[in-house]
N, C-alpha and C. Protein backbone atom coordinates (compact mmCIF):
# COMPACT_ATOMS: atom_id res chain seq x y z
N MET A 1 74.08 -0.72 -20.08
CA MET A 1 75.24 -1.49 -19.32
C MET A 1 74.34 -1.19 -17.75
N GLU A 2 74.56 -2.21 -16.75
CA GLU A 2 74.19 -2.41 -15.40
C GLU A 2 74.83 -1.37 -14.84
N ARG A 3 73.83 -1.16 -13.84
CA ARG A 3 74.85 0.21 -13.13
C ARG A 3 74.75 -0.33 -11.91
N ARG A 4 75.79 -0.13 -11.02
CA ARG A 4 75.90 -0.46 -9.74
C ARG A 4 75.25 0.49 -8.54
N ARG A 5 74.68 -0.18 -7.75
CA ARG A 5 73.83 0.67 -6.81
C ARG A 5 75.28 1.03 -5.74
N PRO A 6 75.07 2.40 -5.76
CA PRO A 6 76.41 2.71 -4.42
C PRO A 6 75.68 2.63 -3.03
N LEU A 7 76.64 2.46 -2.30
CA LEU A 7 76.55 2.01 -1.00
C LEU A 7 77.04 3.14 0.08
N ARG A 8 76.29 3.59 0.85
CA ARG A 8 76.41 4.69 1.76
C ARG A 8 76.87 4.48 3.10
N SER A 9 77.34 3.53 3.15
CA SER A 9 77.54 2.67 4.82
C SER A 9 79.04 3.54 4.78
N GLY A 10 80.35 3.57 3.50
CA GLY A 10 80.98 4.48 3.97
C GLY A 10 82.29 3.02 4.38
N ARG A 11 81.88 1.84 4.85
CA ARG A 11 83.10 1.12 5.59
C ARG A 11 84.07 1.08 4.29
N TRP A 12 83.90 0.66 2.97
CA TRP A 12 84.83 0.58 2.46
C TRP A 12 86.19 1.88 2.67
N TYR A 13 85.74 3.05 3.38
CA TYR A 13 86.42 4.10 2.86
C TYR A 13 87.54 4.04 4.46
N ALA A 14 87.08 3.32 5.56
CA ALA A 14 87.63 3.15 6.77
C ALA A 14 87.97 2.15 7.43
N ARG A 15 88.12 0.98 6.43
CA ARG A 15 88.70 -0.17 6.77
C ARG A 15 89.86 -0.46 7.15
N SER A 16 91.06 0.33 6.44
CA SER A 16 92.45 0.45 6.94
C SER A 16 93.02 2.15 6.95
N VAL A 17 94.07 2.37 7.28
CA VAL A 17 95.03 3.55 7.22
C VAL A 17 95.13 4.27 6.41
N ASN A 18 95.43 3.00 5.57
CA ASN A 18 95.13 3.92 4.15
C ASN A 18 93.63 3.36 3.02
N ARG A 19 93.06 4.23 2.97
CA ARG A 19 91.54 3.97 2.39
C ARG A 19 91.62 3.47 0.50
N TYR A 20 92.69 3.84 0.34
CA TYR A 20 92.72 3.04 -1.24
C TYR A 20 93.08 1.89 -1.23
N LEU A 21 92.24 1.12 -2.57
CA LEU A 21 92.08 -0.24 -2.41
C LEU A 21 92.56 -0.26 -4.03
N ARG A 22 92.91 -1.05 -4.94
CA ARG A 22 92.97 -1.51 -5.92
C ARG A 22 91.66 -1.31 -6.82
N THR A 23 90.41 -1.16 -6.27
CA THR A 23 89.38 -1.19 -6.51
C THR A 23 88.86 0.13 -6.62
N THR A 24 89.97 1.02 -6.09
CA THR A 24 89.39 2.86 -5.77
C THR A 24 90.29 3.72 -6.44
N ALA A 25 89.68 4.95 -6.63
CA ALA A 25 90.36 6.18 -7.82
C ALA A 25 90.33 7.27 -7.02
N LEU A 26 91.43 7.72 -7.02
CA LEU A 26 91.26 9.30 -6.77
C LEU A 26 91.16 10.28 -8.04
N ILE A 27 90.35 11.19 -7.93
CA ILE A 27 89.74 11.71 -9.13
C ILE A 27 90.16 13.54 -8.44
N VAL A 28 91.09 13.78 -8.72
CA VAL A 28 91.47 15.33 -8.73
C VAL A 28 91.19 15.81 -9.83
N VAL A 29 90.09 17.07 -9.06
CA VAL A 29 89.39 17.75 -10.33
C VAL A 29 90.09 19.20 -10.17
N ASP A 30 90.31 19.34 -11.72
CA ASP A 30 90.54 20.71 -11.92
C ASP A 30 91.38 21.69 -11.27
N VAL A 31 92.51 21.43 -10.81
CA VAL A 31 93.18 22.20 -9.45
C VAL A 31 94.83 22.51 -10.66
N GLN A 32 93.94 23.66 -11.61
CA GLN A 32 94.48 24.37 -12.27
C GLN A 32 94.99 26.00 -12.04
N ASN A 33 95.93 26.67 -12.36
CA ASN A 33 96.01 27.95 -12.22
C ASN A 33 94.96 28.96 -12.08
N ASP A 34 94.12 28.66 -13.11
CA ASP A 34 93.26 29.70 -13.01
C ASP A 34 91.97 29.86 -11.91
N PHE A 35 92.28 28.55 -11.25
CA PHE A 35 90.97 28.32 -10.19
C PHE A 35 92.04 28.28 -9.08
N ALA A 36 93.29 27.87 -9.16
CA ALA A 36 94.10 27.67 -7.60
C ALA A 36 95.11 28.45 -7.21
N ASP A 37 95.28 29.61 -8.17
CA ASP A 37 96.31 30.53 -8.33
C ASP A 37 95.66 31.87 -7.78
N PRO A 38 96.20 32.87 -6.62
CA PRO A 38 95.44 33.86 -6.28
C PRO A 38 95.36 35.08 -7.56
N ALA A 39 96.48 34.66 -9.02
CA ALA A 39 96.02 35.43 -9.89
C ALA A 39 95.48 35.02 -10.91
N GLY A 40 94.88 33.76 -10.86
CA GLY A 40 93.95 33.23 -12.18
C GLY A 40 92.85 33.98 -12.06
N SER A 41 92.12 33.79 -13.38
CA SER A 41 91.10 34.60 -13.93
C SER A 41 89.70 34.32 -13.27
N LEU A 42 89.48 33.07 -12.63
CA LEU A 42 88.47 32.54 -11.96
C LEU A 42 88.80 31.70 -10.83
N SER A 43 89.91 32.40 -9.83
CA SER A 43 90.64 32.32 -8.53
C SER A 43 89.48 31.47 -7.50
N VAL A 44 89.58 30.48 -7.02
CA VAL A 44 88.86 30.08 -5.59
C VAL A 44 89.59 30.39 -4.92
N ALA A 45 88.77 31.69 -3.62
CA ALA A 45 89.40 32.03 -2.44
C ALA A 45 89.88 30.49 -1.80
N GLY A 46 91.06 30.64 -1.40
CA GLY A 46 92.18 29.63 -0.72
C GLY A 46 91.98 28.27 -1.47
N GLY A 47 91.90 28.81 -2.58
CA GLY A 47 92.16 27.51 -3.85
C GLY A 47 93.75 26.81 -3.60
N ASP A 48 94.71 27.52 -3.47
CA ASP A 48 95.91 26.82 -3.26
C ASP A 48 96.13 26.55 -2.03
N ALA A 49 95.65 26.79 -0.68
CA ALA A 49 95.34 26.33 0.43
C ALA A 49 95.30 24.61 0.69
N VAL A 50 94.17 24.15 -0.21
CA VAL A 50 94.04 22.91 -0.30
C VAL A 50 94.76 21.76 -1.00
N ILE A 51 96.15 22.10 -1.76
CA ILE A 51 96.73 21.57 -2.22
C ILE A 51 97.68 20.48 -1.63
N PRO A 52 98.44 21.00 -0.18
CA PRO A 52 98.81 20.21 0.44
C PRO A 52 98.00 18.78 0.89
N THR A 53 96.74 19.27 1.24
CA THR A 53 95.93 18.28 1.71
C THR A 53 95.09 16.87 0.52
N ILE A 54 95.23 17.29 -0.91
CA ILE A 54 95.51 16.99 -2.28
C ILE A 54 96.67 16.11 -2.25
N ASN A 55 97.74 16.80 -2.04
CA ASN A 55 99.25 15.93 -2.34
C ASN A 55 99.06 14.55 -1.22
N ALA A 56 98.48 14.80 0.05
CA ALA A 56 98.48 13.83 0.67
C ALA A 56 97.84 12.71 0.14
N GLU A 57 96.94 13.07 -0.25
CA GLU A 57 95.83 11.76 -0.74
C GLU A 57 96.50 10.95 -1.74
N ILE A 58 97.25 12.06 -2.75
CA ILE A 58 97.66 11.73 -4.06
C ILE A 58 98.92 10.61 -3.67
N GLY A 59 99.46 11.08 -2.56
CA GLY A 59 100.94 9.98 -1.74
C GLY A 59 100.41 8.97 -1.64
N ARG A 60 98.72 8.83 -0.65
CA ARG A 60 98.23 7.54 -0.28
C ARG A 60 97.53 6.70 -1.66
N ALA A 61 97.22 7.15 -2.50
CA ALA A 61 96.96 6.66 -3.47
C ALA A 61 98.32 5.82 -4.32
N ALA A 62 99.00 6.39 -4.30
CA ALA A 62 100.33 6.02 -5.11
C ALA A 62 100.62 4.64 -3.73
N GLU A 63 100.97 5.05 -2.72
CA GLU A 63 101.30 4.20 -2.12
C GLU A 63 100.42 2.70 -2.44
N ALA A 64 99.11 2.78 -2.16
CA ALA A 64 98.74 1.54 -2.51
C ALA A 64 98.02 1.25 -3.75
N GLY A 65 99.07 1.70 -4.62
CA GLY A 65 98.61 1.57 -6.33
C GLY A 65 97.62 1.92 -6.65
N ALA A 66 96.47 2.75 -6.04
CA ALA A 66 95.41 2.86 -7.01
C ALA A 66 95.33 3.80 -7.82
N LEU A 67 94.61 4.05 -8.68
CA LEU A 67 94.63 4.85 -10.12
C LEU A 67 94.22 6.35 -9.28
N THR A 68 95.22 7.22 -9.79
CA THR A 68 94.83 9.13 -9.56
C THR A 68 94.55 9.28 -10.87
N VAL A 69 93.24 10.21 -11.46
CA VAL A 69 93.13 10.78 -12.63
C VAL A 69 92.98 12.17 -12.30
N PHE A 70 93.62 13.19 -13.13
CA PHE A 70 93.41 14.68 -13.15
C PHE A 70 92.68 14.74 -14.11
N THR A 71 91.42 15.84 -13.61
CA THR A 71 90.74 16.32 -14.86
C THR A 71 91.09 17.98 -14.87
N GLN A 72 90.98 18.59 -16.31
CA GLN A 72 91.54 19.94 -16.72
C GLN A 72 90.17 20.80 -17.41
N ASP A 73 89.84 21.60 -17.13
CA ASP A 73 89.39 22.56 -18.24
C ASP A 73 90.25 22.80 -19.49
N TRP A 74 89.76 23.13 -20.48
CA TRP A 74 90.78 22.80 -21.52
C TRP A 74 89.84 23.40 -23.09
N HIS A 75 89.77 24.64 -22.62
CA HIS A 75 88.70 25.51 -23.53
C HIS A 75 89.49 26.43 -24.86
N PRO A 76 88.76 26.48 -25.67
CA PRO A 76 89.07 27.14 -26.95
C PRO A 76 88.93 28.69 -26.16
N GLU A 77 89.81 29.53 -27.52
CA GLU A 77 89.76 31.19 -26.64
C GLU A 77 88.24 31.45 -26.93
N SER A 78 87.25 31.17 -27.95
CA SER A 78 86.21 31.71 -27.77
C SER A 78 85.14 30.48 -27.65
N THR A 79 84.06 30.44 -26.78
CA THR A 79 83.03 29.26 -26.61
C THR A 79 81.68 30.23 -25.84
N PRO A 80 80.84 29.70 -26.11
CA PRO A 80 79.70 30.46 -25.67
C PRO A 80 79.71 30.28 -23.98
N HIS A 81 80.70 29.35 -23.70
CA HIS A 81 80.80 29.25 -22.14
C HIS A 81 81.05 30.62 -21.38
N PHE A 82 82.04 31.29 -22.37
CA PHE A 82 82.36 32.54 -21.62
C PHE A 82 81.88 33.88 -21.51
N ALA A 83 81.59 34.69 -20.77
CA ALA A 83 80.87 35.45 -20.52
C ALA A 83 80.97 36.48 -22.10
N LYS A 84 81.68 36.93 -22.65
CA LYS A 84 82.74 37.31 -24.18
C LYS A 84 81.93 37.02 -25.09
N ASP A 85 81.50 35.70 -25.20
CA ASP A 85 80.80 35.22 -25.83
C ASP A 85 79.05 34.84 -25.65
N GLY A 86 78.76 35.21 -24.71
CA GLY A 86 77.14 35.06 -24.41
C GLY A 86 77.32 34.34 -23.13
N GLY A 87 78.51 33.67 -22.48
CA GLY A 87 78.28 32.89 -21.24
C GLY A 87 78.08 33.63 -19.99
N LEU A 88 78.38 32.23 -19.05
CA LEU A 88 78.37 33.12 -17.68
C LEU A 88 79.34 33.67 -16.92
N TRP A 89 80.85 32.96 -17.63
CA TRP A 89 82.20 33.03 -16.82
C TRP A 89 83.51 33.62 -17.48
N PRO A 90 84.03 34.18 -16.86
CA PRO A 90 85.40 34.93 -17.50
C PRO A 90 86.24 34.05 -18.25
N VAL A 91 86.84 34.21 -19.29
CA VAL A 91 87.94 33.54 -19.93
C VAL A 91 88.63 32.83 -19.08
N HIS A 92 88.93 31.65 -19.06
CA HIS A 92 89.57 30.79 -18.32
C HIS A 92 89.86 29.67 -18.95
N CYS A 93 91.03 28.89 -18.46
CA CYS A 93 91.52 27.66 -18.98
C CYS A 93 91.81 27.58 -20.63
N VAL A 94 92.06 28.51 -20.81
CA VAL A 94 92.27 28.24 -22.48
C VAL A 94 93.47 27.11 -22.80
N ALA A 95 93.11 26.32 -23.86
CA ALA A 95 94.19 24.98 -23.98
C ALA A 95 95.28 25.48 -24.28
N GLY A 96 96.53 25.06 -23.78
CA GLY A 96 98.07 25.38 -23.68
C GLY A 96 98.25 26.74 -22.73
N SER A 97 97.52 27.41 -22.15
CA SER A 97 98.12 28.49 -21.53
C SER A 97 98.65 28.60 -20.47
N TRP A 98 99.33 29.35 -19.71
CA TRP A 98 99.44 29.34 -17.90
C TRP A 98 98.29 29.13 -17.25
N GLY A 99 97.05 29.45 -17.36
CA GLY A 99 96.00 29.00 -16.66
C GLY A 99 95.42 27.56 -16.68
N ALA A 100 95.77 26.90 -17.77
CA ALA A 100 95.13 25.77 -18.29
C ALA A 100 96.05 24.61 -17.21
N ASP A 101 97.10 25.41 -16.96
CA ASP A 101 97.98 24.39 -16.61
C ASP A 101 97.70 23.53 -15.28
N LEU A 102 97.75 22.60 -14.76
CA LEU A 102 97.73 21.98 -13.36
C LEU A 102 98.76 22.77 -12.56
N HIS A 103 98.38 23.27 -11.21
CA HIS A 103 99.45 24.54 -10.59
C HIS A 103 100.56 23.84 -10.05
N PRO A 104 101.53 24.46 -10.16
CA PRO A 104 103.21 23.80 -9.97
C PRO A 104 103.01 23.04 -8.50
N GLY A 105 102.54 23.23 -7.59
CA GLY A 105 102.21 22.67 -6.26
C GLY A 105 101.46 21.61 -6.07
N LEU A 106 101.31 21.04 -7.27
CA LEU A 106 100.21 20.03 -7.23
C LEU A 106 101.33 18.88 -7.90
N ASP A 107 101.21 17.52 -6.90
CA ASP A 107 101.91 16.81 -7.21
C ASP A 107 101.55 15.50 -8.22
N ALA A 108 101.46 16.17 -9.56
CA ALA A 108 101.11 15.32 -10.68
C ALA A 108 101.72 14.85 -11.52
N PRO A 109 102.59 13.32 -11.32
CA PRO A 109 103.16 13.00 -12.39
C PRO A 109 102.86 13.20 -13.99
N ARG A 110 104.21 12.98 -14.53
CA ARG A 110 103.77 13.62 -16.20
C ARG A 110 103.01 12.64 -17.15
N ASP A 111 103.47 11.15 -16.49
CA ASP A 111 102.57 10.45 -16.93
C ASP A 111 101.44 10.12 -16.60
N ALA A 112 100.68 10.88 -15.43
CA ALA A 112 99.29 10.52 -15.04
C ALA A 112 98.28 10.60 -16.08
N SER A 113 97.59 9.98 -16.04
CA SER A 113 96.06 10.31 -16.54
C SER A 113 94.95 11.40 -16.61
N ARG A 114 94.92 12.11 -17.22
CA ARG A 114 94.32 13.10 -17.50
C ARG A 114 93.00 13.07 -18.39
N ILE A 115 92.10 13.58 -17.83
CA ILE A 115 90.79 14.01 -18.62
C ILE A 115 91.07 15.56 -18.80
N ARG A 116 90.77 15.95 -20.09
CA ARG A 116 90.60 17.86 -20.52
C ARG A 116 89.10 17.16 -21.45
N LYS A 117 88.71 18.00 -20.72
CA LYS A 117 87.58 18.36 -20.86
C LYS A 117 86.56 20.22 -21.64
N GLY A 118 86.12 20.26 -22.44
CA GLY A 118 85.46 21.61 -22.91
C GLY A 118 86.27 22.10 -24.25
N ALA A 119 87.12 20.99 -24.98
CA ALA A 119 87.85 21.65 -25.91
C ALA A 119 87.50 21.73 -26.84
N ASN A 120 85.79 21.20 -27.13
CA ASN A 120 85.35 22.00 -28.89
C ASN A 120 84.27 22.95 -28.01
N GLY A 121 84.37 23.85 -26.73
CA GLY A 121 83.14 24.80 -26.40
C GLY A 121 82.20 24.70 -25.49
N GLU A 122 82.53 23.07 -25.22
CA GLU A 122 81.54 22.82 -24.18
C GLU A 122 81.35 23.09 -22.95
N ASP A 123 80.33 23.19 -22.22
CA ASP A 123 80.42 23.22 -20.44
C ASP A 123 81.35 22.13 -20.10
N GLY A 124 82.52 22.60 -19.48
CA GLY A 124 83.02 21.15 -18.80
C GLY A 124 83.02 20.76 -17.42
N TYR A 125 82.08 20.92 -16.85
CA TYR A 125 81.99 20.76 -15.49
C TYR A 125 81.92 19.77 -14.88
N SER A 126 81.56 18.51 -15.39
CA SER A 126 81.71 17.09 -14.90
C SER A 126 83.17 16.85 -15.15
N GLY A 127 83.65 15.84 -14.74
CA GLY A 127 84.65 14.79 -15.41
C GLY A 127 84.43 13.91 -15.93
N PHE A 128 83.23 13.33 -16.11
CA PHE A 128 82.32 12.41 -16.71
C PHE A 128 81.27 12.81 -18.24
N THR A 129 81.34 13.96 -18.14
CA THR A 129 80.51 14.08 -19.09
C THR A 129 80.26 15.88 -19.43
N MET A 130 80.07 16.18 -20.75
CA MET A 130 80.47 17.66 -20.92
C MET A 130 78.90 18.05 -21.91
N ARG A 131 79.00 19.47 -21.73
CA ARG A 131 77.46 19.70 -22.53
C ARG A 131 77.49 20.73 -23.11
N ASP A 132 77.08 21.01 -24.59
CA ASP A 132 77.01 21.96 -25.56
C ASP A 132 75.64 22.75 -24.65
N PRO A 133 76.70 24.11 -24.41
CA PRO A 133 76.18 25.30 -23.53
C PRO A 133 74.85 26.01 -24.55
N THR A 134 74.76 25.63 -25.76
CA THR A 134 73.59 26.28 -26.94
C THR A 134 72.30 24.82 -26.95
N THR A 135 72.96 23.83 -27.32
CA THR A 135 71.57 22.92 -27.00
C THR A 135 71.35 22.06 -25.85
N GLY A 136 72.09 22.29 -24.91
CA GLY A 136 71.99 21.12 -23.67
C GLY A 136 72.63 19.53 -24.05
N GLU A 137 72.98 19.31 -25.00
CA GLU A 137 73.71 17.96 -25.35
C GLU A 137 74.25 17.25 -24.75
N GLU A 138 74.43 16.50 -23.98
CA GLU A 138 75.56 15.91 -22.93
C GLU A 138 76.35 15.08 -23.87
N ILE A 139 77.87 14.84 -23.90
CA ILE A 139 78.40 13.63 -24.03
C ILE A 139 79.52 13.42 -23.34
N PRO A 140 79.56 12.06 -23.42
CA PRO A 140 80.75 11.43 -22.11
C PRO A 140 82.18 12.00 -22.59
N THR A 141 83.09 11.98 -21.60
CA THR A 141 84.24 12.17 -21.93
C THR A 141 84.69 10.89 -21.76
N GLU A 142 86.48 10.48 -21.42
CA GLU A 142 87.07 9.03 -21.65
C GLU A 142 86.79 8.49 -20.47
N LEU A 143 86.45 9.26 -19.30
CA LEU A 143 86.94 8.98 -17.76
C LEU A 143 86.05 7.98 -17.12
N ASP A 144 84.55 7.62 -17.63
CA ASP A 144 84.01 6.24 -16.99
C ASP A 144 84.89 5.30 -17.64
N SER A 145 85.16 5.06 -18.98
CA SER A 145 85.57 4.31 -19.52
C SER A 145 86.95 3.87 -18.98
N LEU A 146 87.85 4.74 -18.60
CA LEU A 146 88.76 4.85 -17.91
C LEU A 146 89.01 4.31 -16.87
N LEU A 147 87.32 4.23 -15.83
CA LEU A 147 87.63 3.60 -14.79
C LEU A 147 86.69 2.15 -14.62
N ARG A 148 86.79 1.99 -15.42
CA ARG A 148 85.84 0.62 -16.10
C ARG A 148 87.09 -0.36 -16.47
N ASP A 149 87.92 0.19 -17.03
CA ASP A 149 89.17 -0.69 -17.65
C ASP A 149 89.30 -1.08 -16.54
N HIS A 150 89.97 -0.32 -15.88
CA HIS A 150 90.94 -0.42 -14.53
C HIS A 150 90.05 -0.92 -13.29
N GLY A 151 88.87 -1.16 -13.58
CA GLY A 151 88.08 -2.22 -12.49
C GLY A 151 87.76 -1.54 -11.50
N ILE A 152 87.51 -0.16 -11.25
CA ILE A 152 87.51 0.89 -10.20
C ILE A 152 86.00 0.58 -10.00
N GLU A 153 85.68 0.58 -8.90
CA GLU A 153 84.33 0.55 -8.27
C GLU A 153 84.02 1.74 -7.49
N ARG A 154 84.93 2.44 -6.68
CA ARG A 154 84.96 3.28 -5.64
C ARG A 154 85.64 4.65 -6.11
N VAL A 155 85.22 5.76 -5.84
CA VAL A 155 85.79 6.89 -6.37
C VAL A 155 86.35 7.92 -4.98
N VAL A 156 87.25 9.07 -4.71
CA VAL A 156 87.55 10.05 -3.78
C VAL A 156 87.52 10.96 -4.81
N VAL A 157 86.85 12.33 -4.75
CA VAL A 157 87.15 13.23 -5.64
C VAL A 157 87.70 14.24 -4.54
N VAL A 158 88.42 15.01 -4.77
CA VAL A 158 88.74 16.11 -4.30
C VAL A 158 89.41 17.38 -5.46
N GLY A 159 89.31 18.64 -5.10
CA GLY A 159 89.62 19.92 -6.27
C GLY A 159 88.94 20.60 -5.86
N LEU A 160 88.73 21.28 -7.30
CA LEU A 160 88.08 22.68 -7.25
C LEU A 160 87.21 22.82 -8.58
N ALA A 161 85.39 23.18 -8.40
CA ALA A 161 84.97 23.92 -7.41
C ALA A 161 83.92 23.29 -6.80
N THR A 162 84.08 23.08 -5.36
CA THR A 162 82.99 22.54 -4.79
C THR A 162 81.75 22.28 -5.62
N ASP A 163 80.74 23.95 -6.10
CA ASP A 163 79.43 23.94 -6.14
C ASP A 163 79.78 23.95 -7.95
N TYR A 164 80.86 23.55 -8.41
CA TYR A 164 80.77 23.52 -9.90
C TYR A 164 80.97 21.79 -10.44
N CYS A 165 82.25 22.01 -10.59
CA CYS A 165 83.29 20.86 -11.46
C CYS A 165 83.26 19.41 -10.39
N VAL A 166 83.26 19.83 -8.79
CA VAL A 166 83.41 18.74 -8.13
C VAL A 166 82.23 18.38 -7.73
N LYS A 167 80.83 18.82 -7.42
CA LYS A 167 79.92 18.59 -7.53
C LYS A 167 79.19 18.17 -8.66
N ALA A 168 79.19 18.46 -9.73
CA ALA A 168 79.16 17.92 -11.00
C ALA A 168 79.57 16.51 -11.36
N THR A 169 80.84 16.50 -11.05
CA THR A 169 81.92 15.13 -11.39
C THR A 169 81.40 14.13 -10.27
N ALA A 170 81.17 14.33 -8.87
CA ALA A 170 80.40 13.53 -8.03
C ALA A 170 79.20 12.85 -8.03
N LEU A 171 78.43 13.77 -8.49
CA LEU A 171 77.18 13.21 -8.99
C LEU A 171 76.69 12.42 -10.26
N ASP A 172 77.85 12.61 -11.04
CA ASP A 172 77.84 11.78 -12.21
C ASP A 172 78.33 10.04 -11.72
N ALA A 173 79.18 10.11 -11.12
CA ALA A 173 79.87 9.21 -10.55
C ALA A 173 78.93 8.38 -9.83
N VAL A 174 77.89 8.87 -8.95
CA VAL A 174 76.95 8.15 -7.99
C VAL A 174 75.80 7.54 -9.32
N ARG A 175 75.58 8.50 -10.10
CA ARG A 175 74.41 8.14 -11.14
C ARG A 175 75.05 7.12 -12.05
N LEU A 176 76.24 6.88 -12.17
CA LEU A 176 77.13 5.65 -13.35
C LEU A 176 77.14 4.48 -12.01
N GLY A 177 76.96 4.90 -10.92
CA GLY A 177 77.29 3.25 -10.15
C GLY A 177 78.49 3.00 -9.11
N TYR A 178 79.40 4.32 -9.27
CA TYR A 178 80.25 4.42 -8.55
C TYR A 178 80.02 4.62 -6.86
N GLU A 179 80.62 4.05 -6.06
CA GLU A 179 80.03 4.33 -4.68
C GLU A 179 81.78 5.74 -4.50
N THR A 180 80.76 6.89 -3.90
CA THR A 180 81.69 7.91 -4.24
C THR A 180 81.73 8.72 -2.85
N ARG A 181 82.98 9.46 -2.68
CA ARG A 181 83.42 9.94 -1.40
C ARG A 181 84.08 11.69 -1.72
N VAL A 182 83.80 12.76 -1.02
CA VAL A 182 84.22 13.79 -1.54
C VAL A 182 84.68 14.16 -0.38
N LEU A 183 86.14 14.53 -0.16
CA LEU A 183 87.10 14.96 1.33
C LEU A 183 86.52 16.66 1.01
N THR A 184 85.69 17.00 2.30
CA THR A 184 85.42 18.61 2.62
C THR A 184 86.71 19.32 2.77
N ASP A 185 87.53 18.93 3.26
CA ASP A 185 88.74 19.90 3.46
C ASP A 185 90.04 19.53 2.61
N ALA A 186 89.65 19.19 1.34
CA ALA A 186 90.51 19.08 0.03
C ALA A 186 89.82 19.39 -0.91
N ILE A 187 88.67 20.22 -0.82
CA ILE A 187 87.86 21.28 -2.01
C ILE A 187 87.73 22.70 -1.81
N GLY A 188 87.10 23.49 -2.68
CA GLY A 188 87.01 24.75 -2.39
C GLY A 188 85.89 25.64 -3.36
N ALA A 189 85.23 26.05 -2.84
CA ALA A 189 83.86 26.66 -3.36
C ALA A 189 84.39 28.11 -4.27
N VAL A 190 83.58 28.55 -5.24
CA VAL A 190 83.47 29.47 -5.92
C VAL A 190 82.59 30.42 -5.21
N ASP A 191 81.79 30.00 -4.69
CA ASP A 191 80.24 30.73 -4.06
C ASP A 191 79.93 32.14 -5.23
N LEU A 192 79.80 31.95 -6.25
CA LEU A 192 79.01 33.07 -6.66
C LEU A 192 77.89 33.65 -5.95
N ALA A 193 77.08 32.74 -5.45
CA ALA A 193 76.28 33.37 -4.61
C ALA A 193 76.94 32.98 -3.65
N PRO A 194 76.69 33.58 -2.07
CA PRO A 194 77.26 33.28 -0.97
C PRO A 194 76.23 31.98 -0.48
N GLY A 195 77.15 31.19 -0.13
CA GLY A 195 76.30 29.88 0.66
C GLY A 195 76.39 28.95 -0.32
N ASP A 196 76.81 28.96 -1.66
CA ASP A 196 76.54 28.13 -2.93
C ASP A 196 77.49 26.83 -2.42
N GLY A 197 78.39 26.99 -2.06
CA GLY A 197 79.40 25.69 -1.78
C GLY A 197 78.82 24.95 -0.70
N ASP A 198 78.21 25.58 0.29
CA ASP A 198 77.06 24.97 1.51
C ASP A 198 75.77 23.82 0.84
N LEU A 199 75.29 24.57 -0.04
CA LEU A 199 74.12 24.27 -0.85
C LEU A 199 74.90 22.93 -2.07
N ALA A 200 75.75 23.26 -2.35
CA ALA A 200 76.52 21.69 -3.18
C ALA A 200 76.29 20.89 -2.24
N LEU A 201 77.41 21.08 -1.00
CA LEU A 201 77.43 19.92 -0.45
C LEU A 201 76.44 19.23 -0.14
N GLU A 202 75.33 20.04 0.67
CA GLU A 202 74.05 19.45 0.68
C GLU A 202 73.24 18.31 -0.25
N GLU A 203 73.09 19.13 -1.28
CA GLU A 203 73.05 18.11 -2.85
C GLU A 203 73.46 17.10 -3.09
N MET A 204 74.80 17.24 -2.90
CA MET A 204 75.62 16.08 -3.13
C MET A 204 75.70 14.78 -1.89
N ALA A 205 75.47 14.79 -0.64
CA ALA A 205 74.93 14.40 0.38
C ALA A 205 73.87 13.62 -0.22
N ALA A 206 72.53 14.17 -0.26
CA ALA A 206 71.25 13.81 -0.64
C ALA A 206 71.23 12.65 -1.82
N ALA A 207 71.89 12.78 -3.01
CA ALA A 207 72.78 11.99 -4.05
C ALA A 207 73.22 11.04 -3.39
N GLY A 208 73.35 10.62 -2.66
CA GLY A 208 74.07 9.41 -1.97
C GLY A 208 75.54 9.85 -1.86
N VAL A 209 76.52 10.37 -2.24
CA VAL A 209 77.79 11.08 -1.92
C VAL A 209 78.00 10.69 -0.51
N GLY A 210 79.33 10.35 -0.21
CA GLY A 210 79.85 10.38 1.14
C GLY A 210 80.91 11.12 1.36
N LEU A 211 80.42 12.24 2.17
CA LEU A 211 81.04 13.54 2.54
C LEU A 211 82.30 13.10 4.07
N SER A 212 83.32 13.62 3.81
CA SER A 212 84.34 13.48 5.25
C SER A 212 85.76 14.19 5.13
N LYS A 213 86.38 14.15 6.15
CA LYS A 213 87.52 15.21 6.00
C LYS A 213 88.36 13.94 5.61
N SER A 214 89.79 14.56 5.19
CA SER A 214 90.66 13.43 5.01
C SER A 214 91.48 12.98 5.98
N GLU A 215 92.06 11.62 6.08
CA GLU A 215 92.37 11.13 7.33
C GLU A 215 93.83 12.05 7.72
N THR A 216 94.07 11.88 8.40
CA THR A 216 95.42 12.89 8.98
C THR A 216 96.41 11.76 10.00
N ARG A 217 97.30 12.14 9.70
CA ARG A 217 98.58 11.17 10.33
C ARG A 217 99.63 11.65 11.40
């Protein structure tokens, strides 16, 4: 499969008041209760505070008739991804639980496109790929096929968390040839180690991801 070479100029992003074109998709990463709600098991500090900015982007995409996709962690009760089973993280986003639900403040239509990842116990950091936490083997999600079916060339990435799922999704998008932009006021970091969020931004920028704040009106 031929990979498109990502552009770095950002001209597509600033051509009009509404940045979304029919060939642009908004990817809303993991704005779920366990990440975005202060009571969540893996709550991101200030995670709920970025939801109004994300909702504004969802509205702009809808106004332009652009595709919006919502990703969700969707884990089984036991998985090597969780600390209790030998992994790194507290139990979070168990399939069908309150923690796995999209945050109620998020403007997500019932019929919106959703990509659920990690359902078989994989690490589900990226919206595009999952990784077996034991063997390291990667498998794709449905996201790349969905975007290509809609003729998508450019993606805007928002959501949680900067240093894990947002970063992994943006890096995969660039690798797959999508022109990619992350909105820095529509994301939040776990910062497991202080500064992880800033380092993630640097890594994304070095890979060709465009970084900017959302538009204001």
